[in-house]
């Protein structure tokens, strides 16, 4: 803007355990990356994705260096006209679809794996619920609890 490089990017993160020394369970040493938002003033526009992804990978590297072991990412785009962080975006800035946002995060996580920052990528289902399906495969039918299980 006016000849200056501008990067408007915000990330909401909650950090639990890991740096206070009083957490007893390793599973509490986790971060939740809730919202990312940007405003497309960054130039050249072709570099925006790689710069924003690098910011996210760098945050995860910093969190890991501070003792955090797990990161959860909320990947749900706002509906057009709504915003998670910034109240106003240029009319030309597109809101990503759910598929586009998921692809962006997958690309970012692939970069984090290549950099050695992330060692394992799993969905929330794989991390938290798949083990229950293995314990009792007859309990779930089509993703819902069977009515015979009460």
N, C-alpha and C. Protein backbone atom coordinates (compact mmCIF):
# COMPACT_ATOMS: atom_id res chain seq x y z
N UNK A 1 0.87 -1.16 0.00
CA UNK A 1 0.00 0.00 0.00
C UNK A 1 0.91 1.22 0.00
N UNK A 2 0.69 2.11 -0.90
CA UNK A 2 1.52 3.31 -1.03
C UNK A 2 3.01 2.98 -1.09
N UNK A 3 3.36 1.92 -1.84
CA UNK A 3 4.75 1.55 -2.02
C UNK A 3 5.36 0.72 -0.91
N UNK A 4 4.57 0.34 0.10
CA UNK A 4 5.09 -0.47 1.20
C UNK A 4 4.56 -1.89 1.12
N UNK A 5 5.38 -2.85 1.50
CA UNK A 5 4.93 -4.24 1.58
C UNK A 5 4.03 -4.39 2.80
N UNK A 6 2.87 -5.02 2.59
CA UNK A 6 1.91 -5.19 3.67
C UNK A 6 1.43 -6.64 3.69
N UNK A 7 1.48 -7.22 4.86
CA UNK A 7 0.96 -8.58 5.05
C UNK A 7 -0.05 -8.51 6.20
N UNK A 8 -1.33 -8.66 5.87
CA UNK A 8 -2.38 -8.63 6.89
C UNK A 8 -2.85 -10.06 7.07
N UNK A 9 -2.46 -10.67 8.17
CA UNK A 9 -2.73 -12.08 8.43
C UNK A 9 -2.97 -12.24 9.92
N UNK A 10 -3.97 -13.00 10.29
CA UNK A 10 -4.26 -13.22 11.70
C UNK A 10 -4.57 -14.70 11.91
N UNK A 11 -4.14 -15.19 13.05
CA UNK A 11 -4.37 -16.59 13.38
C UNK A 11 -4.78 -16.66 14.85
N UNK A 12 -5.92 -17.28 15.12
CA UNK A 12 -6.37 -17.50 16.50
C UNK A 12 -5.93 -18.89 16.92
N UNK A 13 -5.19 -18.96 18.01
CA UNK A 13 -4.65 -20.22 18.50
C UNK A 13 -4.89 -20.32 20.00
N UNK A 14 -5.28 -21.49 20.47
CA UNK A 14 -5.33 -21.76 21.90
C UNK A 14 -4.27 -22.80 22.19
N UNK A 15 -3.49 -22.58 23.23
CA UNK A 15 -2.43 -23.50 23.62
C UNK A 15 -2.76 -24.06 24.99
N UNK A 16 -2.68 -25.39 25.11
CA UNK A 16 -3.01 -26.06 26.37
C UNK A 16 -1.85 -26.92 26.81
N UNK A 17 -1.44 -26.75 28.07
CA UNK A 17 -0.35 -27.56 28.63
C UNK A 17 0.97 -27.24 27.96
N UNK A 18 1.93 -28.08 28.20
CA UNK A 18 3.20 -27.97 27.50
C UNK A 18 4.20 -26.99 28.05
N UNK A 19 3.78 -25.80 28.42
CA UNK A 19 4.78 -24.84 28.87
C UNK A 19 4.65 -24.46 30.33
N UNK A 20 3.70 -25.01 31.04
CA UNK A 20 3.54 -24.64 32.44
C UNK A 20 4.18 -25.65 33.38
N UNK A 21 4.50 -26.83 32.89
CA UNK A 21 5.18 -27.82 33.71
C UNK A 21 4.28 -28.54 34.70
N UNK A 22 3.00 -28.18 34.78
CA UNK A 22 2.15 -28.85 35.74
C UNK A 22 1.17 -29.82 35.10
N UNK A 23 1.22 -30.00 33.80
CA UNK A 23 0.35 -30.95 33.13
C UNK A 23 0.93 -32.34 33.26
N UNK A 24 0.09 -33.30 33.62
CA UNK A 24 0.57 -34.65 33.87
C UNK A 24 0.48 -35.54 32.63
N UNK A 25 -0.47 -35.26 31.76
CA UNK A 25 -0.66 -36.13 30.61
C UNK A 25 -0.10 -35.48 29.35
N UNK A 26 0.65 -36.27 28.59
CA UNK A 26 1.23 -35.74 27.35
C UNK A 26 0.14 -35.29 26.38
N UNK A 27 -1.02 -35.92 26.42
CA UNK A 27 -2.07 -35.56 25.48
C UNK A 27 -2.63 -34.16 25.70
N UNK A 28 -2.33 -33.56 26.84
CA UNK A 28 -2.79 -32.20 27.09
C UNK A 28 -1.86 -31.16 26.47
N UNK A 29 -0.73 -31.58 25.96
CA UNK A 29 0.23 -30.65 25.35
C UNK A 29 -0.14 -30.47 23.88
N UNK A 30 -1.15 -29.63 23.66
CA UNK A 30 -1.67 -29.48 22.30
C UNK A 30 -2.05 -28.04 22.01
N UNK A 31 -2.13 -27.74 20.74
CA UNK A 31 -2.58 -26.43 20.28
C UNK A 31 -3.79 -26.62 19.37
N UNK A 32 -4.67 -25.65 19.42
CA UNK A 32 -5.84 -25.63 18.55
C UNK A 32 -5.75 -24.38 17.68
N UNK A 33 -5.60 -24.60 16.39
CA UNK A 33 -5.56 -23.49 15.45
C UNK A 33 -6.99 -23.31 14.96
N UNK A 34 -7.63 -22.27 15.46
CA UNK A 34 -9.06 -22.12 15.26
C UNK A 34 -9.39 -21.34 13.98
N UNK A 35 -8.80 -20.20 13.80
CA UNK A 35 -9.16 -19.36 12.66
C UNK A 35 -7.92 -18.73 12.04
N UNK A 36 -7.92 -18.68 10.73
CA UNK A 36 -6.93 -17.92 9.97
C UNK A 36 -7.72 -16.93 9.12
N UNK A 37 -7.16 -15.76 8.95
CA UNK A 37 -7.80 -14.81 8.06
C UNK A 37 -6.72 -13.90 7.50
N UNK A 38 -6.97 -13.39 6.32
CA UNK A 38 -6.03 -12.47 5.69
C UNK A 38 -6.82 -11.49 4.84
N UNK A 39 -6.15 -10.42 4.48
CA UNK A 39 -6.72 -9.44 3.56
C UNK A 39 -5.72 -9.32 2.42
N UNK A 40 -6.22 -9.38 1.22
CA UNK A 40 -5.34 -9.56 0.06
C UNK A 40 -4.56 -8.34 -0.39
N UNK A 41 -3.95 -7.63 0.53
CA UNK A 41 -3.10 -6.49 0.17
C UNK A 41 -1.69 -6.93 -0.18
N UNK A 42 -1.30 -8.14 0.20
CA UNK A 42 0.05 -8.63 -0.01
C UNK A 42 0.35 -8.72 -1.50
N UNK A 43 1.51 -8.22 -1.91
CA UNK A 43 1.94 -8.26 -3.31
C UNK A 43 3.34 -8.83 -3.39
N UNK A 44 3.66 -9.61 -4.36
CA UNK A 44 2.78 -10.05 -5.44
C UNK A 44 1.79 -11.10 -4.94
N UNK A 45 0.59 -11.04 -5.48
CA UNK A 45 -0.47 -11.94 -5.06
C UNK A 45 -0.13 -13.41 -5.23
N UNK A 46 0.74 -13.71 -6.21
CA UNK A 46 1.12 -15.11 -6.45
C UNK A 46 1.91 -15.71 -5.29
N UNK A 47 2.44 -14.86 -4.43
CA UNK A 47 3.24 -15.33 -3.28
C UNK A 47 2.43 -15.47 -2.00
N UNK A 48 1.19 -15.01 -2.01
CA UNK A 48 0.39 -15.01 -0.79
C UNK A 48 0.30 -16.40 -0.17
N UNK A 49 -0.08 -17.39 -0.95
CA UNK A 49 -0.27 -18.75 -0.41
C UNK A 49 1.00 -19.25 0.24
N UNK A 50 2.12 -19.15 -0.44
CA UNK A 50 3.36 -19.70 0.13
C UNK A 50 3.78 -18.94 1.39
N UNK A 51 3.58 -17.64 1.44
CA UNK A 51 3.95 -16.87 2.63
C UNK A 51 3.03 -17.22 3.79
N UNK A 52 1.73 -17.29 3.56
CA UNK A 52 0.80 -17.61 4.64
C UNK A 52 1.02 -19.05 5.13
N UNK A 53 1.29 -19.96 4.22
CA UNK A 53 1.57 -21.33 4.64
C UNK A 53 2.86 -21.39 5.46
N UNK A 54 3.85 -20.61 5.08
CA UNK A 54 5.10 -20.58 5.84
C UNK A 54 4.88 -20.02 7.24
N UNK A 55 4.00 -19.04 7.38
CA UNK A 55 3.69 -18.52 8.71
C UNK A 55 3.09 -19.63 9.57
N UNK A 56 2.17 -20.40 9.01
CA UNK A 56 1.54 -21.48 9.77
C UNK A 56 2.54 -22.58 10.12
N UNK A 57 3.37 -22.99 9.17
CA UNK A 57 4.39 -24.02 9.43
C UNK A 57 5.38 -23.50 10.48
N UNK A 58 5.76 -22.25 10.40
CA UNK A 58 6.68 -21.67 11.39
C UNK A 58 6.06 -21.64 12.78
N UNK A 59 4.77 -21.33 12.85
CA UNK A 59 4.11 -21.38 14.16
C UNK A 59 4.16 -22.79 14.73
N UNK A 60 3.84 -23.79 13.90
CA UNK A 60 3.86 -25.18 14.39
C UNK A 60 5.27 -25.59 14.83
N UNK A 61 6.29 -25.12 14.11
CA UNK A 61 7.68 -25.42 14.51
C UNK A 61 8.00 -24.78 15.86
N UNK A 62 7.55 -23.56 16.06
CA UNK A 62 7.77 -22.88 17.33
C UNK A 62 7.03 -23.58 18.46
N UNK A 63 5.78 -23.97 18.20
CA UNK A 63 5.00 -24.68 19.22
C UNK A 63 5.68 -26.00 19.58
N UNK A 64 6.16 -26.70 18.58
CA UNK A 64 6.85 -27.97 18.84
C UNK A 64 8.11 -27.75 19.68
N UNK A 65 8.86 -26.70 19.36
CA UNK A 65 10.08 -26.40 20.12
C UNK A 65 9.75 -26.04 21.56
N UNK A 66 8.55 -25.54 21.81
CA UNK A 66 8.14 -25.19 23.17
C UNK A 66 7.46 -26.35 23.90
N UNK A 67 7.45 -27.54 23.30
CA UNK A 67 6.95 -28.73 23.99
C UNK A 67 5.58 -29.22 23.59
N UNK A 68 4.91 -28.54 22.67
CA UNK A 68 3.60 -29.01 22.24
C UNK A 68 3.77 -30.17 21.29
N UNK A 69 2.90 -31.16 21.43
CA UNK A 69 3.05 -32.40 20.67
C UNK A 69 1.95 -32.63 19.64
N UNK A 70 0.82 -31.99 19.80
CA UNK A 70 -0.31 -32.21 18.91
C UNK A 70 -0.90 -30.86 18.51
N UNK A 71 -1.30 -30.76 17.25
CA UNK A 71 -1.99 -29.56 16.78
C UNK A 71 -3.29 -29.99 16.11
N UNK A 72 -4.35 -29.32 16.46
CA UNK A 72 -5.65 -29.53 15.82
C UNK A 72 -5.96 -28.28 15.02
N UNK A 73 -6.50 -28.48 13.81
CA UNK A 73 -6.82 -27.35 12.94
C UNK A 73 -8.30 -27.38 12.61
N UNK A 74 -8.97 -26.27 12.85
CA UNK A 74 -10.37 -26.10 12.47
C UNK A 74 -10.39 -25.64 11.03
N UNK A 75 -10.97 -26.43 10.15
CA UNK A 75 -10.95 -26.11 8.72
C UNK A 75 -12.37 -25.96 8.19
N UNK A 76 -12.99 -24.86 8.53
CA UNK A 76 -14.35 -24.59 8.06
C UNK A 76 -14.40 -23.15 7.59
N UNK A 77 -14.64 -22.92 6.31
CA UNK A 77 -14.63 -21.54 5.81
C UNK A 77 -15.89 -20.79 6.25
N UNK A 78 -15.78 -19.48 6.38
CA UNK A 78 -16.99 -18.70 6.69
C UNK A 78 -17.89 -18.65 5.45
N UNK A 79 -19.16 -18.41 5.67
CA UNK A 79 -20.04 -18.22 4.51
C UNK A 79 -19.74 -16.84 3.93
N UNK A 80 -20.00 -16.67 2.64
CA UNK A 80 -19.71 -15.41 1.96
C UNK A 80 -20.42 -14.26 2.68
N UNK A 81 -19.69 -13.22 2.94
CA UNK A 81 -20.25 -12.07 3.64
C UNK A 81 -19.99 -12.10 5.13
N UNK A 82 -19.67 -13.25 5.67
CA UNK A 82 -19.31 -13.37 7.09
C UNK A 82 -17.80 -13.46 7.21
N UNK A 83 -17.29 -13.10 8.35
CA UNK A 83 -15.86 -13.15 8.57
C UNK A 83 -15.58 -13.77 9.92
N UNK A 84 -14.46 -14.45 10.03
CA UNK A 84 -14.05 -15.00 11.31
C UNK A 84 -13.27 -13.97 12.12
N UNK A 85 -12.39 -13.22 11.47
CA UNK A 85 -11.50 -12.33 12.18
C UNK A 85 -11.69 -10.89 11.70
N UNK A 86 -11.31 -10.60 10.47
CA UNK A 86 -11.40 -9.25 9.95
C UNK A 86 -12.83 -8.95 9.49
N UNK A 87 -13.29 -7.77 9.81
CA UNK A 87 -14.68 -7.41 9.51
C UNK A 87 -14.91 -7.12 8.04
N UNK A 88 -13.87 -6.73 7.33
CA UNK A 88 -14.07 -6.31 5.96
C UNK A 88 -12.96 -6.87 5.08
N UNK A 89 -13.35 -7.36 3.93
CA UNK A 89 -12.40 -7.85 2.92
C UNK A 89 -12.72 -7.15 1.61
N UNK A 90 -11.74 -6.97 0.75
CA UNK A 90 -12.03 -6.39 -0.57
C UNK A 90 -13.05 -7.25 -1.32
N UNK A 91 -13.90 -6.63 -2.08
CA UNK A 91 -14.92 -7.36 -2.84
C UNK A 91 -14.29 -8.39 -3.76
N UNK A 92 -13.07 -8.13 -4.21
CA UNK A 92 -12.39 -9.06 -5.12
C UNK A 92 -11.85 -10.31 -4.41
N UNK A 93 -11.76 -10.28 -3.08
CA UNK A 93 -11.20 -11.42 -2.35
C UNK A 93 -12.26 -12.50 -2.22
N UNK A 94 -11.92 -13.68 -2.73
CA UNK A 94 -12.85 -14.81 -2.71
C UNK A 94 -12.84 -15.50 -1.35
N UNK A 95 -13.98 -16.05 -0.98
CA UNK A 95 -14.08 -16.90 0.21
C UNK A 95 -13.87 -18.33 -0.27
N UNK A 96 -12.94 -19.06 0.34
CA UNK A 96 -12.69 -20.42 -0.17
C UNK A 96 -13.85 -21.37 0.13
N UNK A 97 -14.03 -22.32 -0.76
CA UNK A 97 -14.99 -23.38 -0.50
C UNK A 97 -14.39 -24.31 0.54
N UNK A 98 -15.21 -25.18 1.10
CA UNK A 98 -14.73 -26.17 2.07
C UNK A 98 -13.63 -27.03 1.45
N UNK A 99 -13.82 -27.43 0.19
CA UNK A 99 -12.84 -28.28 -0.49
C UNK A 99 -11.53 -27.54 -0.72
N UNK A 100 -11.64 -26.28 -1.13
CA UNK A 100 -10.44 -25.46 -1.39
C UNK A 100 -9.66 -25.22 -0.10
N UNK A 101 -10.36 -24.94 1.00
CA UNK A 101 -9.70 -24.73 2.27
C UNK A 101 -9.02 -26.01 2.77
N UNK A 102 -9.71 -27.14 2.62
CA UNK A 102 -9.11 -28.43 3.03
C UNK A 102 -7.86 -28.71 2.20
N UNK A 103 -7.91 -28.42 0.90
CA UNK A 103 -6.73 -28.63 0.05
C UNK A 103 -5.59 -27.71 0.48
N UNK A 104 -5.91 -26.47 0.88
CA UNK A 104 -4.90 -25.52 1.34
C UNK A 104 -4.22 -26.06 2.60
N UNK A 105 -5.01 -26.55 3.54
CA UNK A 105 -4.43 -27.11 4.76
C UNK A 105 -3.63 -28.37 4.48
N UNK A 106 -4.11 -29.24 3.59
CA UNK A 106 -3.35 -30.45 3.24
C UNK A 106 -2.01 -30.07 2.63
N UNK A 107 -2.01 -29.08 1.76
CA UNK A 107 -0.76 -28.61 1.16
C UNK A 107 0.19 -28.06 2.22
N UNK A 108 -0.37 -27.29 3.16
CA UNK A 108 0.44 -26.73 4.25
C UNK A 108 1.02 -27.83 5.11
N UNK A 109 0.21 -28.82 5.45
CA UNK A 109 0.69 -29.93 6.29
C UNK A 109 1.72 -30.78 5.55
N UNK A 110 1.57 -30.93 4.24
CA UNK A 110 2.58 -31.66 3.46
C UNK A 110 3.91 -30.92 3.53
N UNK A 111 3.86 -29.61 3.44
CA UNK A 111 5.10 -28.83 3.58
C UNK A 111 5.69 -29.01 4.97
N UNK A 112 4.86 -28.99 6.00
CA UNK A 112 5.33 -29.17 7.38
C UNK A 112 5.97 -30.54 7.57
N UNK A 113 5.43 -31.56 6.93
CA UNK A 113 6.03 -32.90 6.99
C UNK A 113 7.38 -32.90 6.28
N UNK A 114 7.45 -32.29 5.10
CA UNK A 114 8.73 -32.23 4.36
C UNK A 114 9.80 -31.48 5.16
N UNK A 115 9.39 -30.48 5.93
CA UNK A 115 10.33 -29.70 6.74
C UNK A 115 10.69 -30.39 8.05
N UNK A 116 10.02 -31.50 8.37
CA UNK A 116 10.30 -32.20 9.61
C UNK A 116 9.61 -31.60 10.83
N UNK A 117 8.68 -30.69 10.61
CA UNK A 117 7.95 -30.05 11.71
C UNK A 117 6.82 -30.95 12.19
N UNK A 118 6.15 -31.62 11.27
CA UNK A 118 5.02 -32.50 11.56
C UNK A 118 5.43 -33.93 11.18
N UNK A 119 5.07 -34.87 12.04
CA UNK A 119 5.44 -36.26 11.77
C UNK A 119 4.26 -37.14 11.41
N UNK A 120 3.04 -36.72 11.77
CA UNK A 120 1.87 -37.56 11.54
C UNK A 120 0.68 -36.65 11.27
N UNK A 121 -0.07 -36.93 10.22
CA UNK A 121 -1.25 -36.14 9.88
C UNK A 121 -2.44 -37.09 9.87
N UNK A 122 -3.42 -36.79 10.73
CA UNK A 122 -4.64 -37.60 10.80
C UNK A 122 -5.84 -36.68 10.95
N UNK A 123 -6.98 -37.19 10.52
CA UNK A 123 -8.22 -36.44 10.72
C UNK A 123 -8.64 -36.57 12.18
N UNK A 124 -9.57 -35.73 12.59
CA UNK A 124 -10.09 -35.78 13.95
C UNK A 124 -10.71 -37.15 14.21
N UNK A 125 -11.43 -37.68 13.22
CA UNK A 125 -12.03 -39.01 13.35
C UNK A 125 -10.95 -40.07 13.58
N UNK A 126 -9.91 -40.05 12.75
CA UNK A 126 -8.84 -41.04 12.88
C UNK A 126 -8.15 -40.93 14.24
N UNK A 127 -7.98 -39.71 14.72
CA UNK A 127 -7.28 -39.48 15.99
C UNK A 127 -8.11 -39.89 17.19
N UNK A 128 -9.41 -39.59 17.16
CA UNK A 128 -10.22 -39.72 18.37
C UNK A 128 -11.29 -40.80 18.35
N UNK A 129 -11.76 -41.21 17.19
CA UNK A 129 -12.92 -42.10 17.17
C UNK A 129 -12.71 -43.43 16.47
N UNK A 130 -11.76 -43.51 15.56
CA UNK A 130 -11.57 -44.73 14.79
C UNK A 130 -11.28 -45.92 15.70
N UNK A 131 -10.58 -45.70 16.79
CA UNK A 131 -10.25 -46.79 17.71
C UNK A 131 -11.51 -47.44 18.28
N UNK A 132 -12.57 -46.68 18.43
CA UNK A 132 -13.82 -47.24 18.93
C UNK A 132 -14.50 -48.10 17.89
N UNK A 133 -14.37 -47.75 16.63
CA UNK A 133 -14.92 -48.57 15.56
C UNK A 133 -14.24 -49.93 15.53
N UNK A 134 -12.95 -49.97 15.80
CA UNK A 134 -12.22 -51.24 15.81
C UNK A 134 -12.62 -52.10 17.01
N UNK A 135 -12.96 -51.46 18.13
CA UNK A 135 -13.35 -52.21 19.32
C UNK A 135 -14.71 -52.87 19.14
N UNK A 136 -15.62 -52.19 18.48
CA UNK A 136 -16.96 -52.71 18.30
C UNK A 136 -17.48 -52.31 16.92
N UNK A 137 -17.05 -53.01 15.88
CA UNK A 137 -17.43 -52.61 14.52
C UNK A 137 -18.92 -52.71 14.25
N UNK A 138 -19.65 -53.49 15.05
CA UNK A 138 -21.09 -53.61 14.83
C UNK A 138 -21.88 -52.48 15.48
N UNK A 139 -21.21 -51.64 16.28
CA UNK A 139 -21.92 -50.58 16.99
C UNK A 139 -22.29 -49.42 16.08
N UNK A 140 -21.59 -49.24 14.99
CA UNK A 140 -21.89 -48.13 14.10
C UNK A 140 -22.35 -48.64 12.75
N UNK A 141 -23.42 -48.06 12.25
CA UNK A 141 -23.94 -48.42 10.94
C UNK A 141 -24.10 -47.12 10.16
N UNK A 142 -23.37 -46.99 9.09
CA UNK A 142 -23.46 -45.78 8.27
C UNK A 142 -23.08 -44.52 9.00
N UNK A 143 -22.20 -44.62 9.98
CA UNK A 143 -21.76 -43.44 10.70
C UNK A 143 -22.62 -43.08 11.90
N UNK A 144 -23.72 -43.81 12.12
CA UNK A 144 -24.59 -43.53 13.25
C UNK A 144 -24.64 -44.75 14.16
N UNK A 145 -24.91 -44.52 15.42
CA UNK A 145 -25.04 -45.62 16.36
C UNK A 145 -26.32 -46.39 16.02
N UNK A 146 -26.19 -47.69 15.89
CA UNK A 146 -27.33 -48.55 15.59
C UNK A 146 -28.33 -48.48 16.74
N UNK A 147 -29.61 -48.46 16.43
CA UNK A 147 -30.64 -48.34 17.47
C UNK A 147 -30.65 -49.53 18.42
N UNK A 148 -30.08 -50.66 18.02
CA UNK A 148 -30.05 -51.83 18.91
C UNK A 148 -29.02 -51.68 20.02
N UNK A 149 -28.14 -50.70 19.91
CA UNK A 149 -27.14 -50.46 20.94
C UNK A 149 -27.68 -49.39 21.87
N UNK A 150 -28.14 -49.80 23.05
CA UNK A 150 -28.67 -48.83 24.00
C UNK A 150 -28.23 -49.13 25.37
